[in-house]
N, C-alpha and C. Protein backbone atom coordinates (compact mmCIF):
# COMPACT_ATOMS: atom_id res chain seq x y z
N MET A 1 -18.82 -6.54 -23.32
CA MET A 1 -19.81 -6.29 -22.29
C MET A 1 -21.06 -5.62 -22.86
N PRO A 2 -21.21 -5.49 -24.18
CA PRO A 2 -22.41 -4.85 -24.71
C PRO A 2 -23.70 -5.54 -24.28
N ARG A 3 -23.72 -6.87 -24.30
CA ARG A 3 -24.93 -7.58 -23.89
C ARG A 3 -25.21 -7.34 -22.41
N ALA A 4 -24.15 -7.33 -21.60
CA ALA A 4 -24.32 -7.06 -20.18
C ALA A 4 -24.91 -5.68 -19.96
N MET A 5 -24.45 -4.70 -20.72
CA MET A 5 -24.98 -3.34 -20.59
C MET A 5 -26.45 -3.29 -20.97
N SER A 6 -26.84 -4.05 -21.99
CA SER A 6 -28.25 -4.06 -22.38
C SER A 6 -29.11 -4.71 -21.30
N VAL A 7 -28.57 -5.72 -20.61
CA VAL A 7 -29.30 -6.34 -19.50
C VAL A 7 -29.45 -5.34 -18.36
N ILE A 8 -28.38 -4.62 -18.04
CA ILE A 8 -28.46 -3.62 -16.98
C ILE A 8 -29.46 -2.53 -17.36
N ASP A 9 -29.46 -2.11 -18.61
CA ASP A 9 -30.42 -1.09 -19.06
C ASP A 9 -31.85 -1.60 -18.95
N ALA A 10 -32.08 -2.87 -19.27
CA ALA A 10 -33.42 -3.43 -19.15
C ALA A 10 -33.86 -3.49 -17.69
N ILE A 11 -32.96 -3.88 -16.82
CA ILE A 11 -33.26 -3.91 -15.38
C ILE A 11 -33.58 -2.49 -14.90
N ALA A 12 -32.77 -1.53 -15.34
CA ALA A 12 -32.99 -0.13 -14.95
C ALA A 12 -34.35 0.36 -15.45
N GLY A 13 -34.73 -0.05 -16.64
CA GLY A 13 -36.04 0.31 -17.16
C GLY A 13 -37.17 -0.23 -16.30
N PHE A 14 -37.01 -1.47 -15.85
CA PHE A 14 -38.02 -2.06 -14.97
C PHE A 14 -38.08 -1.32 -13.64
N VAL A 15 -36.91 -1.04 -13.06
CA VAL A 15 -36.85 -0.31 -11.79
C VAL A 15 -37.53 1.05 -11.95
N GLU A 16 -37.24 1.72 -13.05
CA GLU A 16 -37.84 3.03 -13.33
C GLU A 16 -39.36 2.94 -13.42
N SER A 17 -39.86 1.86 -14.03
CA SER A 17 -41.31 1.71 -14.21
C SER A 17 -42.03 1.46 -12.90
N LYS A 18 -41.32 0.97 -11.91
CA LYS A 18 -41.96 0.63 -10.62
C LYS A 18 -41.70 1.68 -9.54
N ASN A 19 -40.82 2.65 -9.82
CA ASN A 19 -40.42 3.62 -8.80
C ASN A 19 -40.49 5.04 -9.36
N THR A 20 -39.84 5.94 -8.72
CA THR A 20 -39.85 7.34 -9.13
C THR A 20 -38.91 7.60 -10.31
N ARG A 21 -39.14 8.72 -10.98
CA ARG A 21 -38.31 9.08 -12.12
C ARG A 21 -36.85 9.24 -11.67
N GLY A 22 -35.95 8.67 -12.44
CA GLY A 22 -34.53 8.73 -12.13
C GLY A 22 -34.02 7.54 -11.34
N SER A 23 -34.94 6.76 -10.78
CA SER A 23 -34.51 5.61 -9.97
C SER A 23 -33.81 4.54 -10.82
N GLY A 24 -34.25 4.37 -12.05
CA GLY A 24 -33.61 3.39 -12.93
C GLY A 24 -32.19 3.77 -13.27
N ALA A 25 -31.97 5.05 -13.56
CA ALA A 25 -30.61 5.53 -13.88
C ALA A 25 -29.70 5.38 -12.66
N ARG A 26 -30.20 5.69 -11.48
CA ARG A 26 -29.39 5.53 -10.26
C ARG A 26 -29.04 4.07 -10.04
N TYR A 27 -30.01 3.18 -10.24
CA TYR A 27 -29.77 1.75 -10.07
C TYR A 27 -28.71 1.27 -11.06
N ALA A 28 -28.82 1.71 -12.33
CA ALA A 28 -27.86 1.31 -13.35
C ALA A 28 -26.45 1.79 -13.00
N ARG A 29 -26.33 3.02 -12.51
CA ARG A 29 -25.01 3.53 -12.11
C ARG A 29 -24.41 2.69 -11.00
N LYS A 30 -25.22 2.33 -10.01
CA LYS A 30 -24.72 1.51 -8.90
C LYS A 30 -24.33 0.12 -9.38
N PHE A 31 -25.11 -0.44 -10.28
CA PHE A 31 -24.83 -1.77 -10.82
C PHE A 31 -23.50 -1.74 -11.58
N LYS A 32 -23.32 -0.76 -12.45
CA LYS A 32 -22.09 -0.65 -13.24
C LYS A 32 -20.88 -0.38 -12.34
N ALA A 33 -21.09 0.40 -11.29
CA ALA A 33 -19.99 0.66 -10.34
C ALA A 33 -19.59 -0.63 -9.63
N ALA A 34 -20.56 -1.48 -9.30
CA ALA A 34 -20.26 -2.76 -8.66
C ALA A 34 -19.42 -3.64 -9.58
N ILE A 35 -19.73 -3.62 -10.87
CA ILE A 35 -18.94 -4.40 -11.84
C ILE A 35 -17.53 -3.83 -11.95
N ASN A 36 -17.42 -2.51 -12.02
CA ASN A 36 -16.10 -1.89 -12.13
C ASN A 36 -15.22 -2.19 -10.92
N LYS A 37 -15.82 -2.35 -9.75
CA LYS A 37 -15.05 -2.67 -8.55
C LYS A 37 -14.43 -4.07 -8.63
N LEU A 38 -14.99 -4.92 -9.48
CA LEU A 38 -14.44 -6.27 -9.64
C LEU A 38 -13.15 -6.28 -10.46
N ALA A 39 -12.94 -5.24 -11.25
CA ALA A 39 -11.80 -5.20 -12.17
C ALA A 39 -10.54 -4.69 -11.49
N ILE A 40 -10.22 -5.25 -10.35
CA ILE A 40 -9.02 -4.87 -9.60
C ILE A 40 -7.85 -5.67 -10.16
N PRO A 41 -6.77 -5.00 -10.54
CA PRO A 41 -5.61 -5.73 -11.06
C PRO A 41 -5.01 -6.67 -10.00
N ASN A 42 -4.49 -7.78 -10.47
CA ASN A 42 -3.79 -8.76 -9.62
C ASN A 42 -4.68 -9.39 -8.55
N VAL A 43 -5.97 -9.41 -8.78
CA VAL A 43 -6.89 -10.09 -7.86
C VAL A 43 -7.44 -11.31 -8.59
N HIS A 44 -7.37 -12.46 -7.94
CA HIS A 44 -7.89 -13.70 -8.53
C HIS A 44 -9.20 -14.06 -7.83
N TYR A 45 -10.22 -14.32 -8.60
CA TYR A 45 -11.53 -14.71 -8.06
C TYR A 45 -11.71 -16.21 -8.26
N SER A 46 -12.29 -16.86 -7.27
CA SER A 46 -12.57 -18.28 -7.40
C SER A 46 -13.70 -18.50 -8.39
N LEU A 47 -13.82 -19.73 -8.87
CA LEU A 47 -14.88 -20.06 -9.81
C LEU A 47 -16.24 -20.03 -9.11
N CYS A 48 -17.27 -19.87 -9.90
CA CYS A 48 -18.63 -19.88 -9.38
C CYS A 48 -18.92 -21.20 -8.67
N ASN A 49 -19.77 -21.16 -7.68
CA ASN A 49 -20.18 -22.39 -6.98
C ASN A 49 -21.10 -23.24 -7.84
N HIS A 50 -21.85 -22.63 -8.73
CA HIS A 50 -22.78 -23.38 -9.57
C HIS A 50 -21.97 -24.18 -10.59
N PRO A 51 -22.22 -25.49 -10.71
CA PRO A 51 -21.40 -26.34 -11.57
C PRO A 51 -21.43 -25.96 -13.05
N VAL A 52 -22.55 -25.50 -13.56
CA VAL A 52 -22.62 -25.12 -14.97
C VAL A 52 -21.76 -23.89 -15.23
N LEU A 53 -21.86 -22.90 -14.35
CA LEU A 53 -21.06 -21.68 -14.52
C LEU A 53 -19.58 -21.97 -14.31
N ALA A 54 -19.27 -22.84 -13.38
CA ALA A 54 -17.88 -23.21 -13.14
C ALA A 54 -17.29 -23.96 -14.33
N ALA A 55 -18.11 -24.75 -15.02
CA ALA A 55 -17.64 -25.47 -16.20
C ALA A 55 -17.17 -24.52 -17.30
N TYR A 56 -17.74 -23.34 -17.34
CA TYR A 56 -17.32 -22.31 -18.30
C TYR A 56 -16.17 -21.46 -17.77
N GLN A 57 -15.66 -21.83 -16.60
CA GLN A 57 -14.56 -21.11 -15.96
C GLN A 57 -14.95 -19.68 -15.58
N TYR A 58 -16.24 -19.47 -15.24
CA TYR A 58 -16.71 -18.15 -14.83
C TYR A 58 -16.50 -17.97 -13.33
N SER A 59 -16.16 -16.78 -12.95
CA SER A 59 -16.21 -16.36 -11.56
C SER A 59 -17.54 -15.64 -11.38
N CYS A 60 -18.03 -15.59 -10.17
CA CYS A 60 -19.33 -14.96 -9.94
C CYS A 60 -19.25 -13.95 -8.81
N SER A 61 -20.06 -12.94 -8.96
CA SER A 61 -20.27 -11.96 -7.91
C SER A 61 -21.75 -11.64 -7.94
N ASN A 62 -22.20 -10.85 -6.99
CA ASN A 62 -23.61 -10.49 -7.00
C ASN A 62 -23.78 -9.01 -6.74
N PHE A 63 -24.89 -8.51 -7.23
CA PHE A 63 -25.34 -7.16 -6.94
C PHE A 63 -26.81 -7.29 -6.62
N ASN A 64 -27.15 -7.02 -5.38
CA ASN A 64 -28.51 -7.24 -4.88
C ASN A 64 -28.92 -8.68 -5.20
N ASP A 65 -29.97 -8.89 -5.97
CA ASP A 65 -30.42 -10.25 -6.28
C ASP A 65 -29.90 -10.74 -7.63
N TRP A 66 -28.95 -10.03 -8.22
CA TRP A 66 -28.45 -10.36 -9.55
C TRP A 66 -27.08 -11.01 -9.47
N VAL A 67 -26.87 -12.02 -10.29
CA VAL A 67 -25.59 -12.72 -10.37
C VAL A 67 -24.83 -12.21 -11.59
N ILE A 68 -23.56 -11.91 -11.39
CA ILE A 68 -22.69 -11.44 -12.46
C ILE A 68 -21.65 -12.53 -12.70
N ALA A 69 -21.69 -13.18 -13.86
CA ALA A 69 -20.73 -14.22 -14.22
C ALA A 69 -19.70 -13.59 -15.15
N PHE A 70 -18.43 -13.69 -14.77
CA PHE A 70 -17.37 -12.98 -15.49
C PHE A 70 -16.08 -13.76 -15.49
N ARG A 71 -15.15 -13.29 -16.30
CA ARG A 71 -13.77 -13.79 -16.30
C ARG A 71 -12.85 -12.59 -16.30
N LYS A 72 -11.75 -12.73 -15.58
CA LYS A 72 -10.69 -11.73 -15.65
C LYS A 72 -9.89 -12.03 -16.92
N ASN A 73 -9.53 -10.99 -17.64
CA ASN A 73 -8.80 -11.15 -18.89
C ASN A 73 -7.66 -10.13 -18.89
N GLY A 74 -6.48 -10.57 -18.53
CA GLY A 74 -5.36 -9.64 -18.43
C GLY A 74 -5.66 -8.62 -17.35
N GLY A 75 -5.66 -7.35 -17.72
CA GLY A 75 -5.96 -6.31 -16.76
C GLY A 75 -7.42 -5.94 -16.72
N GLY A 76 -8.25 -6.61 -17.53
CA GLY A 76 -9.66 -6.24 -17.63
C GLY A 76 -10.59 -7.31 -17.10
N LEU A 77 -11.83 -7.09 -17.35
CA LEU A 77 -12.88 -7.97 -16.87
C LEU A 77 -13.90 -8.11 -17.99
N ILE A 78 -14.31 -9.34 -18.28
CA ILE A 78 -15.34 -9.57 -19.29
C ILE A 78 -16.54 -10.19 -18.60
N VAL A 79 -17.68 -9.51 -18.69
CA VAL A 79 -18.93 -10.02 -18.12
C VAL A 79 -19.62 -10.84 -19.19
N TYR A 80 -19.92 -12.10 -18.86
CA TYR A 80 -20.55 -12.99 -19.81
C TYR A 80 -22.05 -13.13 -19.58
N GLU A 81 -22.47 -13.10 -18.34
CA GLU A 81 -23.88 -13.28 -18.03
C GLU A 81 -24.27 -12.43 -16.83
N ILE A 82 -25.48 -11.92 -16.87
CA ILE A 82 -26.11 -11.29 -15.72
C ILE A 82 -27.51 -11.86 -15.66
N PHE A 83 -27.87 -12.44 -14.52
CA PHE A 83 -29.20 -13.02 -14.40
C PHE A 83 -29.65 -12.97 -12.95
N HIS A 84 -30.95 -13.10 -12.77
CA HIS A 84 -31.52 -13.04 -11.43
C HIS A 84 -31.18 -14.34 -10.68
N SER A 85 -30.83 -14.20 -9.43
CA SER A 85 -30.40 -15.36 -8.64
C SER A 85 -31.51 -16.39 -8.47
N SER A 86 -32.75 -16.00 -8.65
CA SER A 86 -33.86 -16.95 -8.46
C SER A 86 -33.87 -18.05 -9.51
N ILE A 87 -33.17 -17.88 -10.63
CA ILE A 87 -33.19 -18.93 -11.65
C ILE A 87 -32.13 -19.99 -11.41
N LEU A 88 -31.24 -19.77 -10.44
CA LEU A 88 -30.27 -20.83 -10.11
C LEU A 88 -31.00 -21.94 -9.38
N PHE A 89 -30.63 -23.14 -9.67
CA PHE A 89 -31.27 -24.28 -9.01
C PHE A 89 -30.29 -25.07 -8.23
């Protein structure tokens, strides 16, 4: 999830640049908490509706306008992509 964390940090940096000090860190905490809530043991998520993401066997969730493409791996969760929903076609 290192790449995912760098994406979240970049988003937080943008949020911080457009809002008050500390807003980026708060946004990043909420984003990471949303991802952690997906890592519930014994829960199966359906594949993404988007055919390209489904071809990679990714499940999808969202946080605000952001799409989180992930796979459950044993008891954990691996995030493969985070991107803005506006780029889906």
